[in-house]
Amino acid sequence: MFLQKELHLMRNVELLCEEIKQKEKVVNLLFLSIGTLEYGKDTEEGLHYPSALTLYARNHIISRLLPLLQRAKHLRRVVTVFFGGGWEGSIDFSDFQSRGQSRMRSQGQMAAITTLGLLVASGIARGEIGWFMRTLKVIAHVLAPLVDIPFAEAGERFVFLCTSARYADGGVDGTLLLEGLEIGKGVDGIEGSGVFSVDEKGEYAGPKLVNLVKEMERRGEVEKVGMMLAGGSMKAMLLEL
């Protein structure tokens, strides 16, 4: 099944999700890589174009398709590909969509928003260590270095991220770990905790990110990111009514 939409528009994102929900009862894998190199313009719905694709569209897709992920009996995983994996930076909530920022500054902010948004989606930020944390395995993967990696090899690496038990809660789903590999550490520094931010080699982002996430959680930024992502998508769609 192939569905094509212009996903910088939230109304199209909503339509896409509805079409998928009508045709599919279960989703095992959600792989998100939508983005753009265009910068400095807004969509007709009032969102900054790169933020509409990289932040709002991805977050809305994850939120709307979670019920289908929950129904999967085995592999249940979300992989979102971006300039992440340790590149997360501080968030300027007064310029949440990075309209007035340099490209480098905006990449760090969007990487952080992506990671915190996944914490909200997984339920980990709320201390929910139940079915949600066990069923949703999320990886934020750095994209930039893959520019210099052959397409076939890049594809192989993505398949590994999508299927390996290294990125599962306690290694309970995915393909068996090869000798020498261990269960990955999440953004909280704990093995198999559910949300992973890794580099182009699939390696753990490190203690710097762990400390950054803890500080952001302390300041209430995780919940704030979740509310701003959901609110921005809803506002954009309401403009069409």
C-alpha atoms as a PDB file:
ATOM      1  CA  MET A   1       0.000   0.000   0.000  1.00  0.00           C
ATOM      2  CA  PHE A   2       1.478   3.350  -1.060  1.00  0.00           C
ATOM      3  CA  LEU A   3      -0.008   6.618   0.210  1.00  0.00           C
ATOM      4  CA  GLN A   4       1.328  10.000  -0.879  1.00  0.00           C
ATOM      5  CA  LYS A   5       0.664  13.285   0.923  1.00  0.00           C
ATOM      6  CA  GLU A   6       2.247  16.714   1.352  1.00  0.00           C
ATOM      7  CA  LEU A   7       3.043  16.303   5.035  1.00  0.00           C
ATOM      8  CA  HIS A   8       4.022  19.892   5.772  1.00  0.00           C
ATOM      9  CA  LEU A   9       0.268  20.463   6.113  1.00  0.00           C
ATOM     10  CA  MET A  10      -1.255  19.071   9.295  1.00  0.00           C
ATOM     11  CA  ARG A  11      -4.603  18.456   7.601  1.00  0.00           C
ATOM     12  CA  ASN A  12      -2.824  16.074   5.234  1.00  0.00           C
ATOM     13  CA  VAL A  13      -1.035  14.389   8.127  1.00  0.00           C
ATOM     14  CA  GLU A  14      -4.399  13.784   9.765  1.00  0.00           C
ATOM     15  CA  LEU A  15      -5.839  12.396   6.516  1.00  0.00           C
ATOM     16  CA  LEU A  16      -2.853  10.075   6.112  1.00  0.00           C
ATOM     17  CA  CYS A  17      -3.269   8.712   9.624  1.00  0.00           C
ATOM     18  CA  GLU A  18      -6.977   8.148   9.069  1.00  0.00           C
ATOM     19  CA  GLU A  19      -6.319   6.269   5.818  1.00  0.00           C
ATOM     20  CA  ILE A  20      -3.774   4.036   7.540  1.00  0.00           C
ATOM     21  CA  LYS A  21      -6.147   3.360  10.441  1.00  0.00           C
ATOM     22  CA  GLN A  22      -8.896   2.407   8.004  1.00  0.00           C
ATOM     23  CA  LYS A  23      -6.682  -0.018   6.098  1.00  0.00           C
ATOM     24  CA  GLU A  24      -4.548  -1.466   8.907  1.00  0.00           C
ATOM     25  CA  LYS A  25      -5.469  -2.895  12.303  1.00  0.00           C
ATOM     26  CA  VAL A  26      -1.909  -3.301  13.595  1.00  0.00           C
ATOM     27  CA  VAL A  27       1.375  -1.436  13.117  1.00  0.00           C
ATOM     28  CA  ASN A  28       4.653  -3.087  14.134  1.00  0.00           C
ATOM     29  CA  LEU A  29       7.084  -0.490  12.877  1.00  0.00           C
ATOM     30  CA  LEU A  30       6.778   3.256  12.397  1.00  0.00           C
ATOM     31  CA  PHE A  31       9.814   4.697  10.573  1.00  0.00           C
ATOM     32  CA  LEU A  32       9.860   8.485  10.231  1.00  0.00           C
ATOM     33  CA  SER A  33      12.382  10.456   8.195  1.00  0.00           C
ATOM     34  CA  ILE A  34      10.343  13.336   6.742  1.00  0.00           C
ATOM     35  CA  GLY A  35      12.214  16.631   6.718  1.00  0.00           C
ATOM     36  CA  THR A  36      13.570  19.375   4.496  1.00  0.00           C
ATOM     37  CA  LEU A  37      16.599  21.560   3.818  1.00  0.00           C
ATOM     38  CA  GLU A  38      14.332  24.541   3.129  1.00  0.00           C
ATOM     39  CA  TYR A  39      14.407  27.196   5.801  1.00  0.00           C
ATOM     40  CA  GLY A  40      12.850  30.571   6.546  1.00  0.00           C
ATOM     41  CA  LYS A  41       9.308  30.184   5.198  1.00  0.00           C
ATOM     42  CA  ASP A  42       5.944  29.287   6.708  1.00  0.00           C
ATOM     43  CA  THR A  43       3.296  26.854   5.529  1.00  0.00           C
ATOM     44  CA  GLU A  44      -0.185  28.087   4.652  1.00  0.00           C
ATOM     45  CA  GLU A  45      -1.253  26.747   8.061  1.00  0.00           C
ATOM     46  CA  GLY A  46       1.125  29.141   9.816  1.00  0.00           C
ATOM     47  CA  LEU A  47       3.880  26.722  10.869  1.00  0.00           C
ATOM     48  CA  HIS A  48       7.563  27.226  10.120  1.00  0.00           C
ATOM     49  CA  TYR A  49       8.157  24.851   7.196  1.00  0.00           C
ATOM     50  CA  PRO A  50      11.044  22.758   8.643  1.00  0.00           C
ATOM     51  CA  SER A  51       9.328  22.530  12.036  1.00  0.00           C
ATOM     52  CA  ALA A  52       6.055  21.486  10.410  1.00  0.00           C
ATOM     53  CA  LEU A  53       7.749  18.457   8.841  1.00  0.00           C
ATOM     54  CA  THR A  54      10.375  17.503  11.396  1.00  0.00           C
ATOM     55  CA  LEU A  55       8.462  18.206  14.597  1.00  0.00           C
ATOM     56  CA  TYR A  56       4.710  18.608  14.210  1.00  0.00           C
ATOM     57  CA  ALA A  57       4.023  16.068  11.460  1.00  0.00           C
ATOM     58  CA  ARG A  58       6.129  13.339  13.051  1.00  0.00           C
ATOM     59  CA  ASN A  59       4.679  13.907  16.507  1.00  0.00           C
ATOM     60  CA  HIS A  60       1.114  13.858  15.165  1.00  0.00           C
ATOM     61  CA  ILE A  61       1.715  10.630  13.248  1.00  0.00           C
ATOM     62  CA  ILE A  62       3.132   8.931  16.344  1.00  0.00           C
ATOM     63  CA  SER A  63       0.230  10.114  18.503  1.00  0.00           C
ATOM     64  CA  ARG A  64      -2.466   9.065  16.038  1.00  0.00           C
ATOM     65  CA  LEU A  65      -1.010   5.639  15.263  1.00  0.00           C
ATOM     66  CA  LEU A  66      -0.204   4.622  18.833  1.00  0.00           C
ATOM     67  CA  PRO A  67      -3.383   2.523  19.155  1.00  0.00           C
ATOM     68  CA  LEU A  68      -2.223   0.408  16.203  1.00  0.00           C
ATOM     69  CA  LEU A  69       1.244   0.006  17.704  1.00  0.00           C
ATOM     70  CA  GLN A  70      -0.323  -1.102  20.978  1.00  0.00           C
ATOM     71  CA  ARG A  71      -2.101  -3.958  19.213  1.00  0.00           C
ATOM     72  CA  ALA A  72       1.099  -5.495  17.843  1.00  0.00           C
ATOM     73  CA  LYS A  73       1.954  -8.723  19.658  1.00  0.00           C
ATOM     74  CA  HIS A  74       5.670  -8.798  18.924  1.00  0.00           C
ATOM     75  CA  LEU A  75       7.919  -6.118  17.459  1.00  0.00           C
ATOM     76  CA  ARG A  76       6.531  -2.656  18.335  1.00  0.00           C
ATOM     77  CA  ARG A  77       8.881   0.168  17.541  1.00  0.00           C
ATOM     78  CA  VAL A  78       9.122   3.793  16.418  1.00  0.00           C
ATOM     79  CA  VAL A  79      12.287   5.028  14.702  1.00  0.00           C
ATOM     80  CA  THR A  80      12.618   8.729  13.946  1.00  0.00           C
ATOM     81  CA  VAL A  81      15.623   9.846  11.912  1.00  0.00           C
ATOM     82  CA  PHE A  82      17.056  13.288  12.488  1.00  0.00           C
ATOM     83  CA  PHE A  83      20.124  15.299  13.464  1.00  0.00           C
ATOM     84  CA  GLY A  84      20.019  13.745  16.942  1.00  0.00           C
ATOM     85  CA  GLY A  85      22.142  11.245  18.812  1.00  0.00           C
ATOM     86  CA  GLY A  86      23.901  13.578  21.244  1.00  0.00           C
ATOM     87  CA  TRP A  87      23.362  16.793  19.276  1.00  0.00           C
ATOM     88  CA  GLU A  88      20.461  17.859  21.464  1.00  0.00           C
ATOM     89  CA  GLY A  89      20.695  21.441  22.709  1.00  0.00           C
ATOM     90  CA  SER A  90      18.705  23.873  24.823  1.00  0.00           C
ATOM     91  CA  ILE A  91      15.177  24.913  23.826  1.00  0.00           C
ATOM     92  CA  ASP A  92      14.121  28.534  23.380  1.00  0.00           C
ATOM     93  CA  PHE A  93      10.396  28.298  24.071  1.00  0.00           C
ATOM     94  CA  SER A  94       9.905  31.890  22.898  1.00  0.00           C
ATOM     95  CA  ASP A  95      11.065  30.709  19.441  1.00  0.00           C
ATOM     96  CA  PHE A  96       9.833  27.124  19.573  1.00  0.00           C
ATOM     97  CA  GLN A  97       9.704  26.785  15.780  1.00  0.00           C
ATOM     98  CA  SER A  98      13.240  28.193  15.312  1.00  0.00           C
ATOM     99  CA  ARG A  99      12.191  30.987  12.981  1.00  0.00           C
ATOM    100  CA  GLY A 100      14.862  33.392  14.233  1.00  0.00           C
ATOM    101  CA  GLN A 101      17.703  30.916  14.742  1.00  0.00           C
ATOM    102  CA  SER A 102      20.711  29.890  12.695  1.00  0.00           C
ATOM    103  CA  ARG A 103      20.538  26.464  11.073  1.00  0.00           C
ATOM    104  CA  MET A 104      23.012  24.962  13.553  1.00  0.00           C
ATOM    105  CA  ARG A 105      21.182  26.389  16.557  1.00  0.00           C
ATOM    106  CA  SER A 106      17.835  25.218  15.203  1.00  0.00           C
ATOM    107  CA  GLN A 107      19.151  21.683  14.620  1.00  0.00           C
ATOM    108  CA  GLY A 108      20.171  21.375  18.259  1.00  0.00           C
ATOM    109  CA  GLN A 109      16.808  22.679  19.403  1.00  0.00           C
ATOM    110  CA  MET A 110      14.798  20.447  17.066  1.00  0.00           C
ATOM    111  CA  ALA A 111      16.879  17.430  18.109  1.00  0.00           C
ATOM    112  CA  ALA A 112      16.042  18.168  21.750  1.00  0.00           C
ATOM    113  CA  ILE A 113      12.345  18.680  20.988  1.00  0.00           C
ATOM    114  CA  THR A 114      12.306  15.382  19.078  1.00  0.00           C
ATOM    115  CA  THR A 115      13.855  13.504  22.006  1.00  0.00           C
ATOM    116  CA  LEU A 116      11.598  15.090  24.634  1.00  0.00           C
ATOM    117  CA  GLY A 117       8.557  14.527  22.434  1.00  0.00           C
ATOM    118  CA  LEU A 118       9.389  10.827  22.332  1.00  0.00           C
ATOM    119  CA  LEU A 119       9.644  10.758  26.121  1.00  0.00           C
ATOM    120  CA  VAL A 120       6.120  12.168  26.282  1.00  0.00           C
ATOM    121  CA  ALA A 121       4.790   9.676  23.720  1.00  0.00           C
ATOM    122  CA  SER A 122       6.383   6.689  25.455  1.00  0.00           C
ATOM    123  CA  GLY A 123       4.996   7.622  28.865  1.00  0.00           C
ATOM    124  CA  ILE A 124       8.452   7.427  30.463  1.00  0.00           C
ATOM    125  CA  ALA A 125       8.378  11.124  31.360  1.00  0.00           C
ATOM    126  CA  ARG A 126       5.297  10.454  33.509  1.00  0.00           C
ATOM    127  CA  GLY A 127       6.903   7.543  35.316  1.00  0.00           C
ATOM    128  CA  GLU A 128       4.665   4.975  33.628  1.00  0.00           C
ATOM    129  CA  ILE A 129       6.587   1.705  33.704  1.00  0.00           C
ATOM    130  CA  GLY A 130       3.699  -0.356  32.400  1.00  0.00           C
ATOM    131  CA  TRP A 131       2.519  -1.623  29.030  1.00  0.00           C
ATOM    132  CA  PHE A 132       3.271   1.625  27.210  1.00  0.00           C
ATOM    133  CA  MET A 133       6.933   1.605  28.100  1.00  0.00           C
ATOM    134  CA  ARG A 134       7.195  -2.055  27.214  1.00  0.00           C
ATOM    135  CA  THR A 135       5.472  -1.758  23.870  1.00  0.00           C
ATOM    136  CA  LEU A 136       6.856   1.468  22.457  1.00  0.00           C
ATOM    137  CA  LYS A 137      10.565   1.421  21.681  1.00  0.00           C
ATOM    138  CA  VAL A 138      11.838   4.661  20.265  1.00  0.00           C
ATOM    139  CA  ILE A 139      15.125   5.629  18.679  1.00  0.00           C
ATOM    140  CA  ALA A 140      16.301   9.087  17.699  1.00  0.00           C
ATOM    141  CA  HIS A 141      19.039   8.585  15.120  1.00  0.00           C
ATOM    142  CA  VAL A 142      21.537  11.120  13.806  1.00  0.00           C
ATOM    143  CA  LEU A 143      21.056  11.747  10.090  1.00  0.00           C
ATOM    144  CA  ALA A 144      23.873  14.067   9.000  1.00  0.00           C
ATOM    145  CA  PRO A 145      26.779  11.534   8.899  1.00  0.00           C
ATOM    146  CA  LEU A 146      24.715   9.207   6.693  1.00  0.00           C
ATOM    147  CA  VAL A 147      25.168  11.660   3.827  1.00  0.00           C
ATOM    148  CA  ASP A 148      28.624  10.161   3.244  1.00  0.00           C
ATOM    149  CA  ILE A 149      27.543   6.547   3.746  1.00  0.00           C
ATOM    150  CA  PRO A 150      26.548   4.448   0.687  1.00  0.00           C
ATOM    151  CA  PHE A 151      22.785   4.095   0.348  1.00  0.00           C
ATOM    152  CA  ALA A 152      22.859   0.311   0.748  1.00  0.00           C
ATOM    153  CA  GLU A 153      24.863   0.510   3.966  1.00  0.00           C
ATOM    154  CA  ALA A 154      22.669   3.299   5.317  1.00  0.00           C
ATOM    155  CA  GLY A 155      19.652   1.103   4.625  1.00  0.00           C
ATOM    156  CA  GLU A 156      21.259  -1.807   6.454  1.00  0.00           C
ATOM    157  CA  ARG A 157      21.894   0.393   9.473  1.00  0.00           C
ATOM    158  CA  PHE A 158      18.288   1.532   9.511  1.00  0.00           C
ATOM    159  CA  VAL A 159      17.078  -2.068   9.336  1.00  0.00           C
ATOM    160  CA  PHE A 160      19.310  -2.862  12.314  1.00  0.00           C
ATOM    161  CA  LEU A 161      17.794   0.020  14.289  1.00  0.00           C
ATOM    162  CA  CYS A 162      14.308  -1.123  13.354  1.00  0.00           C
ATOM    163  CA  THR A 163      14.732  -4.782  14.247  1.00  0.00           C
ATOM    164  CA  SER A 164      17.577  -5.389  16.698  1.00  0.00           C
ATOM    165  CA  ALA A 165      16.823  -6.372  20.286  1.00  0.00           C
ATOM    166  CA  ARG A 166      19.579  -3.942  21.259  1.00  0.00           C
ATOM    167  CA  TYR A 167      16.972  -1.188  21.194  1.00  0.00           C
ATOM    168  CA  ALA A 168      14.186  -2.862  23.089  1.00  0.00           C
ATOM    169  CA  ASP A 169      13.017  -2.725  26.675  1.00  0.00           C
ATOM    170  CA  GLY A 170      15.238  -5.352  28.264  1.00  0.00           C
ATOM    171  CA  GLY A 171      15.884  -6.891  24.849  1.00  0.00           C
ATOM    172  CA  VAL A 172      12.522  -8.647  24.844  1.00  0.00           C
ATOM    173  CA  ASP A 173      11.718  -8.012  21.194  1.00  0.00           C
ATOM    174  CA  GLY A 174      13.643  -7.780  17.961  1.00  0.00           C
ATOM    175  CA  THR A 175      16.278 -10.034  16.430  1.00  0.00           C
ATOM    176  CA  LEU A 176      18.766 -11.738  18.730  1.00  0.00           C
ATOM    177  CA  LEU A 177      21.865  -9.801  19.748  1.00  0.00           C
ATOM    178  CA  LEU A 178      25.100 -10.808  18.072  1.00  0.00           C
ATOM    179  CA  GLU A 179      28.033 -11.804  20.242  1.00  0.00           C
ATOM    180  CA  GLY A 180      29.691  -8.729  21.709  1.00  0.00           C
ATOM    181  CA  LEU A 181      26.594  -6.517  21.533  1.00  0.00           C
ATOM    182  CA  GLU A 182      24.701  -5.415  24.619  1.00  0.00           C
ATOM    183  CA  ILE A 183      21.275  -3.937  25.202  1.00  0.00           C
ATOM    184  CA  GLY A 184      21.446  -0.209  24.474  1.00  0.00           C
ATOM    185  CA  LYS A 185      21.188   2.520  27.093  1.00  0.00           C
ATOM    186  CA  GLY A 186      18.281   4.921  26.916  1.00  0.00           C
ATOM    187  CA  VAL A 187      18.363   8.692  27.300  1.00  0.00           C
ATOM    188  CA  ASP A 188      18.152   8.147  31.060  1.00  0.00           C
ATOM    189  CA  GLY A 189      21.370   6.093  31.009  1.00  0.00           C
ATOM    190  CA  ILE A 190      19.561   2.846  31.867  1.00  0.00           C
ATOM    191  CA  GLU A 191      19.810  -0.261  29.684  1.00  0.00           C
ATOM    192  CA  GLY A 192      16.679  -1.021  27.698  1.00  0.00           C
ATOM    193  CA  SER A 193      14.677   1.847  29.175  1.00  0.00           C
ATOM    194  CA  GLY A 194      12.646   2.455  26.006  1.00  0.00           C
ATOM    195  CA  VAL A 195      13.784   5.758  24.445  1.00  0.00           C
ATOM    196  CA  PHE A 196      17.184   5.728  22.756  1.00  0.00           C
ATOM    197  CA  SER A 197      19.178   8.545  21.148  1.00  0.00           C
ATOM    198  CA  VAL A 198      22.015   7.073  19.106  1.00  0.00           C
ATOM    199  CA  ASP A 199      24.622   8.209  16.588  1.00  0.00           C
ATOM    200  CA  GLU A 200      25.178   7.006  13.016  1.00  0.00           C
ATOM    201  CA  LYS A 201      26.883   3.881  14.370  1.00  0.00           C
ATOM    202  CA  GLY A 202      23.979   3.054  16.644  1.00  0.00           C
ATOM    203  CA  GLU A 203      25.965   3.983  19.746  1.00  0.00           C
ATOM    204  CA  TYR A 204      24.619   5.504  22.966  1.00  0.00           C
ATOM    205  CA  ALA A 205      24.707   9.320  23.022  1.00  0.00           C
ATOM    206  CA  GLY A 206      26.430   9.405  26.433  1.00  0.00           C
ATOM    207  CA  PRO A 207      26.176  10.980  29.907  1.00  0.00           C
ATOM    208  CA  LYS A 208      26.046  14.558  28.572  1.00  0.00           C
ATOM    209  CA  LEU A 209      22.632  13.862  27.062  1.00  0.00           C
ATOM    210  CA  VAL A 210      21.482  12.038  30.203  1.00  0.00           C
ATOM    211  CA  ASN A 211      22.310  15.092  32.314  1.00  0.00           C
ATOM    212  CA  LEU A 212      20.635  17.432  29.812  1.00  0.00           C
ATOM    213  CA  VAL A 213      17.425  15.381  29.788  1.00  0.00           C
ATOM    214  CA  LYS A 214      17.366  15.196  33.593  1.00  0.00           C
ATOM    215  CA  GLU A 215      17.718  18.968  33.835  1.00  0.00           C
ATOM    216  CA  MET A 216      14.979  19.501  31.257  1.00  0.00           C
ATOM    217  CA  GLU A 217      12.706  17.132  33.174  1.00  0.00           C
ATOM    218  CA  ARG A 218      13.434  19.040  36.386  1.00  0.00           C
ATOM    219  CA  ARG A 219      12.386  22.299  34.718  1.00  0.00           C
ATOM    220  CA  GLY A 220       9.169  20.757  33.392  1.00  0.00           C
ATOM    221  CA  GLU A 221      10.256  21.094  29.771  1.00  0.00           C
ATOM    222  CA  VAL A 222       9.244  17.570  28.761  1.00  0.00           C
ATOM    223  CA  GLU A 223       5.570  18.214  29.471  1.00  0.00           C
ATOM    224  CA  LYS A 224       5.824  21.707  27.967  1.00  0.00           C
ATOM    225  CA  VAL A 225       7.208  20.286  24.720  1.00  0.00           C
ATOM    226  CA  GLY A 226       4.361  17.771  24.566  1.00  0.00           C
ATOM    227  CA  MET A 227       1.741  20.486  25.031  1.00  0.00           C
ATOM    228  CA  MET A 228       3.314  22.825  22.461  1.00  0.00           C
ATOM    229  CA  LEU A 229       3.600  20.101  19.824  1.00  0.00           C
ATOM    230  CA  ALA A 230       0.000  18.992  20.292  1.00  0.00           C
ATOM    231  CA  GLY A 231      -1.262  22.571  20.493  1.00  0.00           C
ATOM    232  CA  GLY A 232       0.601  23.670  17.373  1.00  0.00           C
ATOM    233  CA  SER A 233      -0.786  20.811  15.298  1.00  0.00           C
ATOM    234  CA  MET A 234      -4.334  21.440  16.494  1.00  0.00           C
ATOM    235  CA  LYS A 235      -4.099  25.185  15.845  1.00  0.00           C
ATOM    236  CA  ALA A 236      -2.821  24.554  12.313  1.00  0.00           C
ATOM    237  CA  MET A 237      -5.714  22.219  11.527  1.00  0.00           C
ATOM    238  CA  LEU A 238      -8.278  24.618  13.017  1.00  0.00           C
ATOM    239  CA  LEU A 239      -7.177  27.270  10.533  1.00  0.00           C
ATOM    240  CA  GLU A 240      -8.817  25.144   7.835  1.00  0.00           C
ATOM    241  CA  LEU A 241     -12.224  25.092   9.508  1.00  0.00           C
END
